[in-house]
Every structure is written in C-alpha cells, then in structure tokens.
Amino acid sequence: MLKKLLIVAGLVGATALVVKKVKASSDERALWHEATTAPDLR
C-alpha cells in the first residue's frame, strides 16, 4: 500500500513539474512574440 502511494505521489510531482515547465515556456514565447511584433498604431 505504501509503495503504491509513493508511486502515485512521484507521478503527481513529475506531472506538476512538466506542467510548470510547459506553462513557463508558453509564457516566455508569448512575451517574445509581443516584444518582437510591430505595434498596432491605428
């Protein structure tokens, strides 16, 4: 039982790290896109 709980906790932790990395990458890509596109001066 304890072994299963540790495995589940490890998977949840790994998933949280992956989600955090993907979100950070997406946020950085959006920031670069905003910084490098021409301003809309209409």
Protein backbone atom coordinates (compact mmCIF):
# COMPACT_ATOMS: atom_id res chain seq x y z
CA MET A 1 0.00 0.00 0.00
CA LEU A 2 2.74 2.46 0.94
CA LYS A 3 4.66 1.62 -2.23
CA LYS A 4 1.61 2.47 -4.38
CA LEU A 5 1.15 5.75 -2.52
CA LEU A 6 4.79 6.71 -3.11
CA ILE A 7 4.49 5.86 -6.81
CA VAL A 8 1.34 7.95 -7.16
CA ALA A 9 2.95 10.85 -5.27
CA GLY A 10 6.00 10.64 -7.55
CA LEU A 11 3.84 10.67 -10.67
CA VAL A 12 1.85 13.65 -9.41
CA GLY A 13 5.07 15.51 -8.62
CA ALA A 14 6.58 14.75 -12.03
CA THR A 15 3.38 15.82 -13.77
CA ALA A 16 3.35 19.09 -11.83
CA LEU A 17 6.94 19.81 -12.89
CA VAL A 18 6.15 19.11 -16.55
CA VAL A 19 3.06 21.35 -16.45
CA LYS A 20 5.09 24.13 -14.81
CA LYS A 21 7.82 23.87 -17.50
CA VAL A 22 5.28 23.91 -20.34
CA LYS A 23 3.48 26.93 -18.89
CA ALA A 24 6.76 28.82 -18.40
CA SER A 25 7.79 28.04 -21.97
CA SER A 26 4.44 29.18 -23.30
CA ASP A 27 4.55 32.40 -21.27
CA GLU A 28 8.07 33.17 -22.49
CA ARG A 29 7.09 32.50 -26.11
CA ALA A 30 4.10 34.84 -25.76
CA LEU A 31 6.30 37.53 -24.23
CA TRP A 32 8.84 37.27 -27.07
CA HIS A 33 6.04 37.41 -29.62
CA GLU A 34 4.67 40.56 -28.02
CA ALA A 35 8.14 42.14 -27.81
CA THR A 36 9.09 41.40 -31.42
CA THR A 37 5.89 42.21 -33.30
CA ALA A 38 5.30 45.65 -34.70
CA PRO A 39 2.98 47.82 -32.60
CA ASP A 40 -0.52 48.41 -33.88
CA LEU A 41 -0.61 52.18 -34.37
CA ARG A 42 -4.07 52.55 -35.88
